[in-house]
Amino acid sequence: MQMHELKRKNLNKKAKLVGRGGKRGKTSGKGTKGQNARSGRKKRPEMRDIIKKLPKKRGYIFDRVKDSPFVAVNLVTIEKVFSIGEVVSPETLFAKGIIRKFAGRQPEVKILANGGITKALNFTKCSVSESAKAMIKKADGKIEAIVEKKVVKNKGKTPKVKII
């Protein structure tokens, strides 16, 4: 018998080393991998994940109203509220409660041809669609001072809408 072949009859019992094989296995009694197996077990709040998935509005002035707010008004509503010969303008539409102010300013108004019109009315300071023009002229109405939009192209920038 050589020195290197000697063995004790009863081997020394070692302390359990968790997470290094043996009885505890690969997950070391934590039961799972990933975030739950890490020390400290700080869970990421679920609400944060929900907030991060929501689409974000870009820019710092996204809550303000645009420079020129725009309101579309149908001929049906004008037909109900106005009587023959009256003037239809943004001011009179606001006075009758059809439109409201945006950021303390009178909005730009466009008249659309939904419904139709039978009364002769005078339209001023409003932009009017082509089909609405035809209906107003058929009912012997007048259109004065039409607000027109022109697209002005800037060098390499997106086109801006300019009111003339």
Protein backbone atom coordinates (compact mmCIF):
# COMPACT_ATOMS: atom_id res chain seq x y z
CA MET A 1 0.00 0.00 0.00
CA GLN A 2 1.31 3.40 -0.97
CA MET A 3 0.76 6.75 0.81
CA HIS A 4 -1.47 8.09 -1.93
CA GLU A 5 -3.81 5.10 -1.63
CA LEU A 6 -4.69 5.69 2.02
CA LYS A 7 -8.37 6.56 2.79
CA ARG A 8 -10.32 7.32 5.93
CA LYS A 9 -12.95 4.85 6.99
CA ASN A 10 -15.52 7.70 7.46
CA LEU A 11 -15.10 10.67 5.14
CA ASN A 12 -15.45 14.25 6.54
CA LYS A 13 -18.95 15.70 5.93
CA LYS A 14 -18.75 18.97 4.04
CA ALA A 15 -21.25 21.87 4.34
CA LYS A 16 -23.79 22.15 1.51
CA LEU A 17 -22.70 24.47 -1.25
CA VAL A 18 -25.84 25.86 -2.84
CA GLY A 19 -25.85 26.40 -6.59
CA ARG A 20 -22.88 24.14 -7.37
CA GLY A 21 -24.63 20.96 -8.38
CA GLY A 22 -25.55 18.31 -5.83
CA LYS A 23 -29.04 18.04 -4.31
CA ARG A 24 -30.10 21.63 -5.05
CA GLY A 25 -29.56 21.40 -8.80
CA LYS A 26 -29.14 24.21 -11.27
CA THR A 27 -31.68 26.65 -9.81
CA SER A 28 -30.39 26.36 -6.22
CA GLY A 29 -33.85 26.03 -4.74
CA LYS A 30 -34.97 29.39 -6.19
CA GLY A 31 -37.33 27.53 -8.52
CA THR A 32 -36.82 29.71 -11.55
CA LYS A 33 -34.31 31.53 -13.69
CA GLY A 34 -33.99 35.19 -14.48
CA GLN A 35 -35.24 38.10 -12.39
CA ASN A 36 -36.76 35.96 -9.65
CA ALA A 37 -33.55 33.97 -9.10
CA ARG A 38 -31.33 37.02 -8.62
CA SER A 39 -30.32 38.29 -5.22
CA GLY A 40 -32.49 41.02 -3.79
CA ARG A 41 -35.51 39.93 -5.85
CA LYS A 42 -36.49 43.47 -6.79
CA LYS A 43 -39.36 43.17 -9.22
CA ARG A 44 -39.73 45.74 -11.98
CA PRO A 45 -43.08 47.53 -11.50
CA GLU A 46 -45.69 46.40 -14.02
CA MET A 47 -47.06 49.94 -14.39
CA ARG A 48 -43.69 51.12 -15.74
CA ASP A 49 -43.87 48.53 -18.52
CA ILE A 50 -47.40 49.65 -19.43
CA ILE A 51 -46.34 53.32 -19.53
CA LYS A 52 -43.30 52.55 -21.71
CA LYS A 53 -45.50 50.74 -24.27
CA LEU A 54 -47.86 53.72 -24.72
CA PRO A 55 -47.17 56.00 -27.70
CA LYS A 56 -45.64 59.33 -26.77
CA LYS A 57 -46.47 62.75 -28.19
CA ARG A 58 -43.35 64.46 -29.45
CA GLY A 59 -42.22 68.03 -28.83
CA TYR A 60 -42.72 70.33 -25.87
CA ILE A 61 -45.72 72.32 -27.20
CA PHE A 62 -47.97 69.41 -28.12
CA ASP A 63 -50.73 70.52 -25.73
CA ARG A 64 -51.23 73.92 -27.39
CA VAL A 65 -53.74 74.57 -30.16
CA LYS A 66 -52.31 74.99 -33.66
CA ASP A 67 -51.69 78.49 -35.00
CA SER A 68 -54.82 78.52 -37.17
CA PRO A 69 -57.58 76.27 -35.81
CA PHE A 70 -60.01 75.05 -38.45
CA VAL A 71 -63.74 74.25 -38.08
CA ALA A 72 -65.99 72.65 -40.69
CA VAL A 73 -69.68 73.64 -40.68
CA ASN A 74 -72.34 71.84 -42.72
CA LEU A 75 -75.07 73.63 -44.67
CA VAL A 76 -77.70 71.64 -42.73
CA THR A 77 -76.83 73.36 -39.44
CA ILE A 78 -76.70 76.78 -41.12
CA GLU A 79 -80.13 76.12 -42.69
CA LYS A 80 -81.66 75.40 -39.27
CA VAL A 81 -80.20 78.40 -37.41
CA PHE A 82 -80.15 81.29 -39.92
CA SER A 83 -83.12 83.01 -41.57
CA ILE A 84 -83.37 84.41 -45.13
CA GLY A 85 -80.99 87.30 -45.94
CA GLU A 86 -78.77 86.95 -42.84
CA VAL A 87 -74.98 87.18 -42.99
CA VAL A 88 -73.04 83.99 -42.21
CA SER A 89 -69.53 84.70 -40.89
CA PRO A 90 -67.32 83.27 -38.13
CA GLU A 91 -68.60 86.01 -35.79
CA THR A 92 -72.30 85.21 -36.39
CA LEU A 93 -71.65 81.46 -36.18
CA PHE A 94 -69.98 82.03 -32.79
CA ALA A 95 -72.84 84.28 -31.62
CA LYS A 96 -75.41 81.60 -32.52
CA GLY A 97 -73.40 78.90 -30.71
CA ILE A 98 -72.47 76.78 -33.73
CA ILE A 99 -68.72 77.19 -33.27
CA ARG A 100 -66.55 78.07 -30.26
CA LYS A 101 -63.26 79.86 -29.83
CA PHE A 102 -59.96 77.98 -29.68
CA ALA A 103 -57.30 79.41 -27.35
CA GLY A 104 -59.22 82.69 -27.21
CA ARG A 105 -59.22 83.10 -31.01
CA GLN A 106 -61.93 82.94 -33.62
CA PRO A 107 -61.33 79.80 -35.73
CA GLU A 108 -61.17 79.63 -39.49
CA VAL A 109 -64.47 78.30 -40.89
CA LYS A 110 -65.06 76.13 -43.94
CA ILE A 111 -68.58 75.57 -45.21
CA LEU A 112 -69.30 72.03 -46.42
CA ALA A 113 -72.21 70.89 -48.59
CA ASN A 114 -73.72 68.23 -46.30
CA GLY A 115 -77.50 68.41 -46.46
CA GLY A 116 -78.20 71.36 -48.72
CA ILE A 117 -79.66 74.86 -48.44
CA THR A 118 -82.87 76.55 -49.65
CA LYS A 119 -82.52 80.01 -48.03
CA ALA A 120 -80.70 82.94 -49.67
CA LEU A 121 -77.85 83.74 -47.24
CA ASN A 122 -74.77 85.96 -47.48
CA PHE A 123 -71.46 84.18 -46.68
CA THR A 124 -68.43 86.28 -45.69
CA LYS A 125 -64.95 85.50 -44.27
CA CYS A 126 -65.49 81.75 -44.77
CA SER A 127 -63.90 79.28 -47.14
CA VAL A 128 -66.54 77.34 -49.06
CA SER A 129 -66.26 73.96 -50.78
CA GLU A 130 -67.03 73.76 -54.52
CA SER A 131 -70.22 71.74 -54.04
CA ALA A 132 -71.39 74.13 -51.29
CA LYS A 133 -70.77 77.11 -53.64
CA ALA A 134 -73.03 75.54 -56.24
CA MET A 135 -75.81 74.94 -53.67
CA ILE A 136 -75.57 78.50 -52.28
CA LYS A 137 -75.72 80.06 -55.76
CA LYS A 138 -78.68 77.81 -56.64
CA ALA A 139 -80.52 79.15 -53.58
CA ASP A 140 -79.70 82.77 -54.70
CA GLY A 141 -77.17 83.29 -51.90
CA LYS A 142 -74.03 85.46 -52.07
CA ILE A 143 -70.42 84.58 -51.27
CA GLU A 144 -68.06 87.46 -50.43
CA ALA A 145 -64.43 87.60 -49.29
CA ILE A 146 -63.63 83.91 -49.57
CA VAL A 147 -60.67 82.87 -47.45
CA GLU A 148 -58.28 80.91 -49.67
CA LYS A 149 -55.28 78.87 -48.65
CA LYS A 150 -52.05 78.81 -50.62
CA VAL A 151 -49.30 76.28 -50.07
CA VAL A 152 -45.93 78.01 -49.92
CA LYS A 153 -42.93 75.72 -50.40
CA ASN A 154 -39.83 76.39 -48.33
CA LYS A 155 -36.34 75.31 -49.34
CA GLY A 156 -35.95 71.71 -48.21
CA LYS A 157 -38.65 72.07 -45.54
CA THR A 158 -42.21 70.81 -45.34
CA PRO A 159 -44.83 73.04 -47.03
CA LYS A 160 -46.65 75.54 -44.79
CA VAL A 161 -50.25 76.62 -45.18
CA LYS A 162 -50.64 80.38 -45.49
CA ILE A 163 -53.98 82.20 -45.21
CA ILE A 164 -54.46 84.98 -47.74
